[in-house]
Amino acid sequence: MKKLSSIASVLGLSIGIAIASAAPASAATDRSGAERLNIPNSSACRAGRTVMEGMVAGPGGQLYIIFSKGSAGEPVLSRWLRDGTTWDGASWTCSGAPVDMPALGHGNDLAYNANYLGQGPALIATQGSQSQFPSNDVTIVHLSSSGVIGTTEVVQLPVGNISGFCYSATAANGAGKYAARRLNTLWTHPGSGALTSGWTQVTTSLTSHDNRSDQGIDCSENYIWSTKSINDSTPDTGWNWIYQYNWSGGDVESDIGVPGNNLTDEIEDVTHVGSDFFVGINRNGGVADSVKVLTE
């Protein structure tokens, strides 16, 4: 999609999201929680990039966030360390300059695997975004044992253009599992083996109540979360949404609401550390991006 503009915000979900039937948009409530990270456009951790893209939690609760120049690309990968204290606004600090990484492409989503193909920790970034930046390639970013960003390689998935990608080490009774989403279609893949084969399409009808734009996804032992953002066709009063599914693509909870604030706050991704879930928000009009906790 055409990025509305810049800046990131991350919101947190609670691991105990209640199982509920699909609710109409009018029934949704504001689930935005307290801010955990504020990233102004002037931050050295964005290297002049004004648009927040994919985000994921890595080793030790570190955050990895992609920033870009929107349709102009030129992505960088930034790394944010935690000081081990409570999840407050000062608990993450940027670790050095972001890494210029053209291999990330659009970088719409990020996943983390602590032992990718037995080679150690790695990030996996989707290169595409919905239909405007179509790609079935993902970029593998290898990390050191402490999470330092290293070399990259590109892998082509057989499932077609995707915009959402996640990995859960606790899914499938601890064997691990990947999920990839393209529009309303969901594929899954065992935690072991190359990503170039072995995918299973589990549904072509993910729940979605209106025309929002596909953004990042996240997954845990039993669930997959899919984010849908405001876009240029959204009414000024429109909201962003998060949808919760099981691993078969069945709806668990629909229309988890995150206000668009007159098209200022554009949800980008969701990730979690233990029972704390966070959502990344790219904010428009020069307002600082933010990381928040999503509340129940």
C-alpha atoms as a PDB file:
ATOM      1  CA  MET A   1       0.000   0.000   0.000  1.00  0.00           C
ATOM      2  CA  LYS A   2       1.022   3.631  -0.333  1.00  0.00           C
ATOM      3  CA  LYS A   3       2.426   4.595   3.039  1.00  0.00           C
ATOM      4  CA  LEU A   4       0.489   7.405   4.642  1.00  0.00           C
ATOM      5  CA  SER A   5       3.743   8.683   6.223  1.00  0.00           C
ATOM      6  CA  SER A   6       6.195   8.008   9.045  1.00  0.00           C
ATOM      7  CA  ILE A   7       6.843   6.942  12.613  1.00  0.00           C
ATOM      8  CA  ALA A   8       6.326   3.861  14.707  1.00  0.00           C
ATOM      9  CA  SER A   9       4.134   2.812  17.513  1.00  0.00           C
ATOM     10  CA  VAL A  10       3.901  -0.522  19.163  1.00  0.00           C
ATOM     11  CA  LEU A  11       0.923  -1.645  21.118  1.00  0.00           C
ATOM     12  CA  GLY A  12       0.729  -4.649  23.354  1.00  0.00           C
ATOM     13  CA  LEU A  13      -1.833  -7.376  23.488  1.00  0.00           C
ATOM     14  CA  SER A  14      -2.528  -9.541  26.506  1.00  0.00           C
ATOM     15  CA  ILE A  15      -1.770 -13.248  25.987  1.00  0.00           C
ATOM     16  CA  GLY A  16      -5.128 -14.079  27.473  1.00  0.00           C
ATOM     17  CA  ILE A  17      -7.296 -12.574  24.766  1.00  0.00           C
ATOM     18  CA  ALA A  18     -10.682 -14.127  25.367  1.00  0.00           C
ATOM     19  CA  ILE A  19     -12.134 -16.442  22.765  1.00  0.00           C
ATOM     20  CA  ALA A  20     -15.146 -14.696  21.244  1.00  0.00           C
ATOM     21  CA  SER A  21     -17.277 -14.880  18.171  1.00  0.00           C
ATOM     22  CA  ALA A  22     -16.770 -12.382  15.353  1.00  0.00           C
ATOM     23  CA  ALA A  23     -18.043  -8.985  16.394  1.00  0.00           C
ATOM     24  CA  PRO A  24     -19.235  -6.200  14.112  1.00  0.00           C
ATOM     25  CA  ALA A  25     -17.000  -3.149  13.756  1.00  0.00           C
ATOM     26  CA  SER A  26     -19.400  -1.088  15.816  1.00  0.00           C
ATOM     27  CA  ALA A  27     -18.872  -3.440  18.771  1.00  0.00           C
ATOM     28  CA  ALA A  28     -15.111  -2.971  18.918  1.00  0.00           C
ATOM     29  CA  THR A  29     -13.511  -0.943  21.696  1.00  0.00           C
ATOM     30  CA  ASP A  30     -10.270   1.008  21.782  1.00  0.00           C
ATOM     31  CA  ARG A  31      -7.580  -1.476  22.833  1.00  0.00           C
ATOM     32  CA  SER A  32      -4.657   0.969  22.691  1.00  0.00           C
ATOM     33  CA  GLY A  33      -2.583   0.799  25.853  1.00  0.00           C
ATOM     34  CA  ALA A  34       0.307   2.683  27.410  1.00  0.00           C
ATOM     35  CA  GLU A  35       3.207   3.775  25.247  1.00  0.00           C
ATOM     36  CA  ARG A  36       6.403   1.732  25.576  1.00  0.00           C
ATOM     37  CA  LEU A  37       8.613   3.385  22.975  1.00  0.00           C
ATOM     38  CA  ASN A  38       8.548   6.759  21.214  1.00  0.00           C
ATOM     39  CA  ILE A  39      10.620   7.235  18.049  1.00  0.00           C
ATOM     40  CA  PRO A  40      10.634  10.738  16.519  1.00  0.00           C
ATOM     41  CA  ASN A  41      11.690  11.267  12.915  1.00  0.00           C
ATOM     42  CA  SER A  42      14.855  12.907  14.214  1.00  0.00           C
ATOM     43  CA  SER A  43      16.001   9.711  15.944  1.00  0.00           C
ATOM     44  CA  ALA A  44      19.410   8.507  14.778  1.00  0.00           C
ATOM     45  CA  CYS A  45      17.960   4.986  14.882  1.00  0.00           C
ATOM     46  CA  ARG A  46      15.954   5.686  11.723  1.00  0.00           C
ATOM     47  CA  ALA A  47      18.774   7.227   9.657  1.00  0.00           C
ATOM     48  CA  GLY A  48      16.438   9.701   7.996  1.00  0.00           C
ATOM     49  CA  ARG A  49      13.819   7.081   7.075  1.00  0.00           C
ATOM     50  CA  THR A  50      10.342   8.354   7.841  1.00  0.00           C
ATOM     51  CA  VAL A  51       8.239   5.184   7.539  1.00  0.00           C
ATOM     52  CA  MET A  52       8.056   2.354  10.052  1.00  0.00           C
ATOM     53  CA  GLU A  53       7.706  -1.123   8.521  1.00  0.00           C
ATOM     54  CA  GLY A  54       8.051  -4.608  10.078  1.00  0.00           C
ATOM     55  CA  MET A  55       8.958  -5.264  13.717  1.00  0.00           C
ATOM     56  CA  VAL A  56       9.691  -8.336  15.825  1.00  0.00           C
ATOM     57  CA  ALA A  57      10.972  -9.245  19.278  1.00  0.00           C
ATOM     58  CA  GLY A  58      14.236 -11.202  19.194  1.00  0.00           C
ATOM     59  CA  PRO A  59      16.659 -12.674  21.740  1.00  0.00           C
ATOM     60  CA  GLY A  60      16.244 -11.374  25.272  1.00  0.00           C
ATOM     61  CA  GLY A  61      13.263  -9.226  24.325  1.00  0.00           C
ATOM     62  CA  GLN A  62      15.274  -7.058  21.941  1.00  0.00           C
ATOM     63  CA  LEU A  63      13.214  -5.296  19.287  1.00  0.00           C
ATOM     64  CA  TYR A  64      14.138  -5.170  15.610  1.00  0.00           C
ATOM     65  CA  ILE A  65      12.376  -2.516  13.523  1.00  0.00           C
ATOM     66  CA  ILE A  66      12.637  -1.754   9.810  1.00  0.00           C
ATOM     67  CA  PHE A  67      12.403   1.869   8.669  1.00  0.00           C
ATOM     68  CA  SER A  68      12.192   2.923   5.034  1.00  0.00           C
ATOM     69  CA  LYS A  69      11.514   5.826   2.702  1.00  0.00           C
ATOM     70  CA  GLY A  70       8.127   4.373   1.789  1.00  0.00           C
ATOM     71  CA  SER A  71       7.727   3.788  -1.938  1.00  0.00           C
ATOM     72  CA  ALA A  72      11.357   4.883  -2.401  1.00  0.00           C
ATOM     73  CA  GLY A  73      12.515   1.946  -0.278  1.00  0.00           C
ATOM     74  CA  GLU A  74      16.106   2.192   1.020  1.00  0.00           C
ATOM     75  CA  PRO A  75      15.298   0.245   4.207  1.00  0.00           C
ATOM     76  CA  VAL A  76      17.425   0.138   7.331  1.00  0.00           C
ATOM     77  CA  LEU A  77      17.217  -2.397  10.170  1.00  0.00           C
ATOM     78  CA  SER A  78      17.427  -1.010  13.705  1.00  0.00           C
ATOM     79  CA  ARG A  79      18.025  -2.926  16.923  1.00  0.00           C
ATOM     80  CA  TRP A  80      16.635  -1.897  20.314  1.00  0.00           C
ATOM     81  CA  LEU A  81      17.989  -3.365  23.567  1.00  0.00           C
ATOM     82  CA  ARG A  82      16.101  -3.784  26.822  1.00  0.00           C
ATOM     83  CA  ASP A  83      17.652  -2.849  30.142  1.00  0.00           C
ATOM     84  CA  GLY A  84      15.749  -5.597  31.963  1.00  0.00           C
ATOM     85  CA  THR A  85      13.465  -3.304  33.945  1.00  0.00           C
ATOM     86  CA  THR A  86       9.707  -3.030  33.694  1.00  0.00           C
ATOM     87  CA  TRP A  87       8.086  -2.458  30.305  1.00  0.00           C
ATOM     88  CA  ASP A  88       8.108   1.317  30.531  1.00  0.00           C
ATOM     89  CA  GLY A  89       9.028   4.019  28.024  1.00  0.00           C
ATOM     90  CA  ALA A  90      12.697   3.859  28.998  1.00  0.00           C
ATOM     91  CA  SER A  91      13.184   0.101  28.853  1.00  0.00           C
ATOM     92  CA  TRP A  92      14.443   0.015  25.227  1.00  0.00           C
ATOM     93  CA  THR A  93      17.402   1.941  23.862  1.00  0.00           C
ATOM     94  CA  CYS A  94      18.743   1.958  20.312  1.00  0.00           C
ATOM     95  CA  SER A  95      21.896  -0.115  19.833  1.00  0.00           C
ATOM     96  CA  GLY A  96      24.189   1.845  17.532  1.00  0.00           C
ATOM     97  CA  ALA A  97      23.411   3.054  14.038  1.00  0.00           C
ATOM     98  CA  PRO A  98      20.801   1.165  11.993  1.00  0.00           C
ATOM     99  CA  VAL A  99      22.108  -1.141   9.269  1.00  0.00           C
ATOM    100  CA  ASP A 100      21.503  -0.132   5.651  1.00  0.00           C
ATOM    101  CA  MET A 101      19.924  -3.277   4.174  1.00  0.00           C
ATOM    102  CA  PRO A 102      18.515  -3.052   0.615  1.00  0.00           C
ATOM    103  CA  ALA A 103      17.960  -6.844   0.612  1.00  0.00           C
ATOM    104  CA  LEU A 104      14.962  -6.287   2.912  1.00  0.00           C
ATOM    105  CA  GLY A 105      12.948  -4.862   0.015  1.00  0.00           C
ATOM    106  CA  HIS A 106       9.794  -3.246   1.387  1.00  0.00           C
ATOM    107  CA  GLY A 107      10.237  -5.071   4.707  1.00  0.00           C
ATOM    108  CA  ASN A 108       6.543  -5.250   5.541  1.00  0.00           C
ATOM    109  CA  ASP A 109       6.945  -7.904   8.245  1.00  0.00           C
ATOM    110  CA  LEU A 110       9.622  -9.533  10.412  1.00  0.00           C
ATOM    111  CA  ALA A 111       9.750 -12.947  12.099  1.00  0.00           C
ATOM    112  CA  TYR A 112      12.336 -14.395  14.515  1.00  0.00           C
ATOM    113  CA  ASN A 113      13.640 -17.959  14.706  1.00  0.00           C
ATOM    114  CA  ALA A 114      16.151 -18.712  17.475  1.00  0.00           C
ATOM    115  CA  ASN A 115      17.725 -21.543  15.470  1.00  0.00           C
ATOM    116  CA  TYR A 116      16.966 -21.186  11.768  1.00  0.00           C
ATOM    117  CA  LEU A 117      17.837 -24.475   9.989  1.00  0.00           C
ATOM    118  CA  GLY A 118      20.228 -25.266  12.847  1.00  0.00           C
ATOM    119  CA  GLN A 119      22.340 -22.236  11.928  1.00  0.00           C
ATOM    120  CA  GLY A 120      21.543 -20.083  14.950  1.00  0.00           C
ATOM    121  CA  PRO A 121      19.265 -17.065  15.415  1.00  0.00           C
ATOM    122  CA  ALA A 122      17.858 -15.245  12.404  1.00  0.00           C
ATOM    123  CA  LEU A 123      15.254 -12.706  11.369  1.00  0.00           C
ATOM    124  CA  ILE A 124      13.050 -13.411   8.361  1.00  0.00           C
ATOM    125  CA  ALA A 125      11.686 -10.362   6.521  1.00  0.00           C
ATOM    126  CA  THR A 126       9.003 -10.288   3.847  1.00  0.00           C
ATOM    127  CA  GLN A 127      10.153  -8.241   0.863  1.00  0.00           C
ATOM    128  CA  GLY A 128       6.647  -7.482  -0.369  1.00  0.00           C
ATOM    129  CA  SER A 129       3.564  -5.657   0.850  1.00  0.00           C
ATOM    130  CA  GLN A 130       0.085  -6.572  -0.359  1.00  0.00           C
ATOM    131  CA  SER A 131      -0.261  -5.730  -4.081  1.00  0.00           C
ATOM    132  CA  GLN A 132       1.746  -2.530  -4.456  1.00  0.00           C
ATOM    133  CA  PHE A 133       5.067  -4.212  -3.678  1.00  0.00           C
ATOM    134  CA  PRO A 134       4.416  -7.840  -4.715  1.00  0.00           C
ATOM    135  CA  SER A 135       7.091 -10.406  -3.838  1.00  0.00           C
ATOM    136  CA  ASN A 136       7.270 -14.021  -2.727  1.00  0.00           C
ATOM    137  CA  ASP A 137      10.869 -13.530  -1.535  1.00  0.00           C
ATOM    138  CA  VAL A 138      11.913 -13.345   2.102  1.00  0.00           C
ATOM    139  CA  THR A 139      15.274 -12.131   3.388  1.00  0.00           C
ATOM    140  CA  ILE A 140      17.062 -14.165   6.058  1.00  0.00           C
ATOM    141  CA  VAL A 141      19.094 -11.910   8.370  1.00  0.00           C
ATOM    142  CA  HIS A 142      21.505 -13.966  10.443  1.00  0.00           C
ATOM    143  CA  LEU A 143      22.216 -12.794  13.992  1.00  0.00           C
ATOM    144  CA  SER A 144      25.019 -13.447  16.436  1.00  0.00           C
ATOM    145  CA  SER A 145      24.186 -15.304  19.655  1.00  0.00           C
ATOM    146  CA  SER A 146      23.705 -11.924  21.350  1.00  0.00           C
ATOM    147  CA  GLY A 147      21.530 -10.567  18.540  1.00  0.00           C
ATOM    148  CA  VAL A 148      24.023  -8.487  16.538  1.00  0.00           C
ATOM    149  CA  ILE A 149      22.894  -8.100  12.910  1.00  0.00           C
ATOM    150  CA  GLY A 150      24.974 -10.113  10.421  1.00  0.00           C
ATOM    151  CA  THR A 151      24.839 -11.482   6.882  1.00  0.00           C
ATOM    152  CA  THR A 152      21.761 -11.913   4.692  1.00  0.00           C
ATOM    153  CA  GLU A 153      20.422 -14.330   2.096  1.00  0.00           C
ATOM    154  CA  VAL A 154      17.259 -14.353  -0.017  1.00  0.00           C
ATOM    155  CA  VAL A 155      14.820 -17.296  -0.131  1.00  0.00           C
ATOM    156  CA  GLN A 156      11.879 -17.604  -2.548  1.00  0.00           C
ATOM    157  CA  LEU A 157       8.665 -19.047  -1.141  1.00  0.00           C
ATOM    158  CA  PRO A 158       6.407 -21.204  -3.349  1.00  0.00           C
ATOM    159  CA  VAL A 159       3.173 -19.680  -2.002  1.00  0.00           C
ATOM    160  CA  GLY A 160       3.122 -16.495  -4.093  1.00  0.00           C
ATOM    161  CA  ASN A 161       3.210 -12.884  -2.996  1.00  0.00           C
ATOM    162  CA  ILE A 162       2.945 -12.499   0.783  1.00  0.00           C
ATOM    163  CA  SER A 163       2.825  -9.548   3.149  1.00  0.00           C
ATOM    164  CA  GLY A 164       2.671 -11.249   6.569  1.00  0.00           C
ATOM    165  CA  PHE A 165       5.058 -13.819   8.039  1.00  0.00           C
ATOM    166  CA  CYS A 166       5.628 -15.212  11.545  1.00  0.00           C
ATOM    167  CA  TYR A 167       7.242 -18.092  13.436  1.00  0.00           C
ATOM    168  CA  SER A 168       6.346 -19.648  16.782  1.00  0.00           C
ATOM    169  CA  ALA A 169       8.779 -22.006  18.513  1.00  0.00           C
ATOM    170  CA  THR A 170       6.005 -23.228  20.841  1.00  0.00           C
ATOM    171  CA  ALA A 171       3.436 -24.118  18.178  1.00  0.00           C
ATOM    172  CA  ALA A 172       2.844 -27.736  17.090  1.00  0.00           C
ATOM    173  CA  ASN A 173       3.585 -29.037  20.600  1.00  0.00           C
ATOM    174  CA  GLY A 174       6.973 -27.328  20.657  1.00  0.00           C
ATOM    175  CA  ALA A 175       8.112 -28.450  17.198  1.00  0.00           C
ATOM    176  CA  GLY A 176       7.697 -24.901  15.895  1.00  0.00           C
ATOM    177  CA  LYS A 177       5.669 -23.583  12.977  1.00  0.00           C
ATOM    178  CA  TYR A 178       5.620 -20.785  10.397  1.00  0.00           C
ATOM    179  CA  ALA A 179       2.614 -18.901   9.025  1.00  0.00           C
ATOM    180  CA  ALA A 180       2.414 -16.732   5.909  1.00  0.00           C
ATOM    181  CA  ARG A 181      -0.525 -14.535   4.893  1.00  0.00           C
ATOM    182  CA  ARG A 182      -1.487 -13.043   1.546  1.00  0.00           C
ATOM    183  CA  LEU A 183      -4.752 -11.096   1.598  1.00  0.00           C
ATOM    184  CA  ASN A 184      -7.357 -13.582   2.954  1.00  0.00           C
ATOM    185  CA  THR A 185      -5.231 -16.690   2.386  1.00  0.00           C
ATOM    186  CA  LEU A 186      -3.154 -18.398   5.093  1.00  0.00           C
ATOM    187  CA  TRP A 187      -0.370 -20.985   4.691  1.00  0.00           C
ATOM    188  CA  THR A 188       1.559 -22.864   7.379  1.00  0.00           C
ATOM    189  CA  HIS A 189       4.924 -24.651   7.360  1.00  0.00           C
ATOM    190  CA  PRO A 190       6.623 -27.027   9.839  1.00  0.00           C
ATOM    191  CA  GLY A 191       9.307 -25.494  12.019  1.00  0.00           C
ATOM    192  CA  SER A 192      12.034 -27.608  10.445  1.00  0.00           C
ATOM    193  CA  GLY A 193      13.118 -27.839   6.829  1.00  0.00           C
ATOM    194  CA  ALA A 194      13.763 -25.316   4.091  1.00  0.00           C
ATOM    195  CA  LEU A 195      11.152 -22.653   3.398  1.00  0.00           C
ATOM    196  CA  THR A 196      11.257 -23.361  -0.342  1.00  0.00           C
ATOM    197  CA  SER A 197       8.789 -26.256   0.016  1.00  0.00           C
ATOM    198  CA  GLY A 198       6.485 -27.952   2.525  1.00  0.00           C
ATOM    199  CA  TRP A 199       3.787 -25.264   2.759  1.00  0.00           C
ATOM    200  CA  THR A 200       0.123 -26.110   3.346  1.00  0.00           C
ATOM    201  CA  GLN A 201      -2.730 -23.750   2.472  1.00  0.00           C
ATOM    202  CA  VAL A 202      -5.109 -23.865   5.424  1.00  0.00           C
ATOM    203  CA  THR A 203      -7.721 -21.278   4.388  1.00  0.00           C
ATOM    204  CA  THR A 204      -8.607 -18.793   1.681  1.00  0.00           C
ATOM    205  CA  SER A 205     -11.192 -16.931   3.754  1.00  0.00           C
ATOM    206  CA  LEU A 206      -9.618 -15.166   6.716  1.00  0.00           C
ATOM    207  CA  THR A 207     -12.190 -12.954   8.412  1.00  0.00           C
ATOM    208  CA  SER A 208     -12.072  -9.301   7.375  1.00  0.00           C
ATOM    209  CA  HIS A 209     -14.898  -6.811   7.693  1.00  0.00           C
ATOM    210  CA  ASP A 210     -13.826  -4.013   5.341  1.00  0.00           C
ATOM    211  CA  ASN A 211     -11.172  -2.661   3.012  1.00  0.00           C
ATOM    212  CA  ARG A 212      -8.124  -2.267   5.235  1.00  0.00           C
ATOM    213  CA  SER A 213      -4.534  -2.940   4.128  1.00  0.00           C
ATOM    214  CA  ASP A 214      -2.635  -6.087   5.130  1.00  0.00           C
ATOM    215  CA  GLN A 215       0.249  -5.459   7.501  1.00  0.00           C
ATOM    216  CA  GLY A 216       2.373  -7.716   9.729  1.00  0.00           C
ATOM    217  CA  ILE A 217       1.309 -10.842  11.598  1.00  0.00           C
ATOM    218  CA  ASP A 218       2.456 -12.627  14.755  1.00  0.00           C
ATOM    219  CA  CYS A 219       1.922 -16.133  16.092  1.00  0.00           C
ATOM    220  CA  SER A 220       2.153 -18.018  19.375  1.00  0.00           C
ATOM    221  CA  GLU A 221       1.493 -21.565  20.556  1.00  0.00           C
ATOM    222  CA  ASN A 222      -2.195 -21.573  19.650  1.00  0.00           C
ATOM    223  CA  TYR A 223      -2.956 -18.362  17.771  1.00  0.00           C
ATOM    224  CA  ILE A 224      -2.088 -16.099  14.853  1.00  0.00           C
ATOM    225  CA  TRP A 225      -2.671 -12.335  14.957  1.00  0.00           C
ATOM    226  CA  SER A 226      -3.148 -10.398  11.701  1.00  0.00           C
ATOM    227  CA  THR A 227      -3.001  -6.593  11.509  1.00  0.00           C
ATOM    228  CA  LYS A 228      -5.014  -4.491   9.031  1.00  0.00           C
ATOM    229  CA  SER A 229      -4.258  -0.780   8.722  1.00  0.00           C
ATOM    230  CA  ILE A 230      -6.039   2.345   7.627  1.00  0.00           C
ATOM    231  CA  ASN A 231      -5.242   3.433   4.084  1.00  0.00           C
ATOM    232  CA  ASP A 232      -5.957   6.230   1.632  1.00  0.00           C
ATOM    233  CA  SER A 233      -9.553   5.040   1.145  1.00  0.00           C
ATOM    234  CA  THR A 234     -10.356   4.837   4.866  1.00  0.00           C
ATOM    235  CA  PRO A 235     -12.764   7.430   6.312  1.00  0.00           C
ATOM    236  CA  ASP A 236     -11.054   9.897   8.649  1.00  0.00           C
ATOM    237  CA  THR A 237     -12.809   8.277  11.591  1.00  0.00           C
ATOM    238  CA  GLY A 238     -11.720   4.771  10.554  1.00  0.00           C
ATOM    239  CA  TRP A 239      -9.752   2.389  12.795  1.00  0.00           C
ATOM    240  CA  ASN A 240      -6.966  -0.149  12.396  1.00  0.00           C
ATOM    241  CA  TRP A 241      -7.820  -3.759  13.240  1.00  0.00           C
ATOM    242  CA  ILE A 242      -6.169  -6.867  14.628  1.00  0.00           C
ATOM    243  CA  TYR A 243      -7.736 -10.262  13.974  1.00  0.00           C
ATOM    244  CA  GLN A 244      -6.998 -13.341  16.070  1.00  0.00           C
ATOM    245  CA  TYR A 245      -7.126 -16.787  14.414  1.00  0.00           C
ATOM    246  CA  ASN A 246      -6.279 -20.353  15.326  1.00  0.00           C
ATOM    247  CA  TRP A 247      -3.660 -22.216  13.273  1.00  0.00           C
ATOM    248  CA  SER A 248      -6.353 -23.482  10.910  1.00  0.00           C
ATOM    249  CA  GLY A 249      -7.355 -19.916  10.103  1.00  0.00           C
ATOM    250  CA  GLY A 250     -10.549 -20.092  12.132  1.00  0.00           C
ATOM    251  CA  ASP A 251     -11.734 -16.833  13.668  1.00  0.00           C
ATOM    252  CA  VAL A 252     -11.155 -16.464  17.418  1.00  0.00           C
ATOM    253  CA  GLU A 253     -11.602 -12.746  17.942  1.00  0.00           C
ATOM    254  CA  SER A 254     -12.337 -10.121  15.307  1.00  0.00           C
ATOM    255  CA  ASP A 255     -12.098  -6.350  15.237  1.00  0.00           C
ATOM    256  CA  ILE A 256      -9.615  -5.728  18.029  1.00  0.00           C
ATOM    257  CA  GLY A 257      -9.660  -1.976  17.597  1.00  0.00           C
ATOM    258  CA  VAL A 258      -6.796   0.516  17.332  1.00  0.00           C
ATOM    259  CA  PRO A 259      -7.981   4.036  16.366  1.00  0.00           C
ATOM    260  CA  GLY A 260      -6.552   5.629  13.215  1.00  0.00           C
ATOM    261  CA  ASN A 261      -6.827   9.081  14.825  1.00  0.00           C
ATOM    262  CA  ASN A 262      -7.951  10.877  11.655  1.00  0.00           C
ATOM    263  CA  LEU A 263      -5.578   8.794   9.496  1.00  0.00           C
ATOM    264  CA  THR A 264      -2.560   9.654  11.675  1.00  0.00           C
ATOM    265  CA  ASP A 265      -1.939   6.274  13.331  1.00  0.00           C
ATOM    266  CA  GLU A 266      -1.305   3.433  10.859  1.00  0.00           C
ATOM    267  CA  ILE A 267      -0.765  -0.010  12.398  1.00  0.00           C
ATOM    268  CA  GLU A 268       2.224  -1.880  10.928  1.00  0.00           C
ATOM    269  CA  ASP A 269       2.973  -5.048  12.899  1.00  0.00           C
ATOM    270  CA  VAL A 270       2.427  -7.041  16.070  1.00  0.00           C
ATOM    271  CA  THR A 271       4.939  -9.023  18.153  1.00  0.00           C
ATOM    272  CA  HIS A 272       5.140 -10.436  21.654  1.00  0.00           C
ATOM    273  CA  VAL A 273       7.519 -11.172  24.522  1.00  0.00           C
ATOM    274  CA  GLY A 274       6.018 -13.818  26.792  1.00  0.00           C
ATOM    275  CA  SER A 275       2.534 -12.628  27.693  1.00  0.00           C
ATOM    276  CA  ASP A 276       3.178  -9.034  26.585  1.00  0.00           C
ATOM    277  CA  PHE A 277       2.054  -8.166  23.056  1.00  0.00           C
ATOM    278  CA  PHE A 278       3.104  -5.048  21.205  1.00  0.00           C
ATOM    279  CA  VAL A 279       1.873  -3.368  18.030  1.00  0.00           C
ATOM    280  CA  GLY A 280       3.931  -1.103  15.787  1.00  0.00           C
ATOM    281  CA  ILE A 281       2.274   2.123  14.594  1.00  0.00           C
ATOM    282  CA  ASN A 282       3.604   4.297  11.800  1.00  0.00           C
ATOM    283  CA  ARG A 283       2.351   7.804  12.543  1.00  0.00           C
ATOM    284  CA  ASN A 284       1.760  10.419   9.894  1.00  0.00           C
ATOM    285  CA  GLY A 285       2.127  14.161   9.727  1.00  0.00           C
ATOM    286  CA  GLY A 286       5.500  14.274  11.484  1.00  0.00           C
ATOM    287  CA  VAL A 287       4.189  12.741  14.736  1.00  0.00           C
ATOM    288  CA  ALA A 288       6.590  10.371  16.531  1.00  0.00           C
ATOM    289  CA  ASP A 289       6.101   6.643  16.013  1.00  0.00           C
ATOM    290  CA  SER A 290       5.242   4.704  19.138  1.00  0.00           C
ATOM    291  CA  VAL A 291       5.343   1.277  20.789  1.00  0.00           C
ATOM    292  CA  LYS A 292       2.358   0.576  23.013  1.00  0.00           C
ATOM    293  CA  VAL A 293       0.762  -2.248  24.974  1.00  0.00           C
ATOM    294  CA  LEU A 294      -2.558  -3.569  23.723  1.00  0.00           C
ATOM    295  CA  THR A 295      -4.955  -4.040  26.634  1.00  0.00           C
ATOM    296  CA  GLU A 296      -7.912  -6.333  27.199  1.00  0.00           C
END
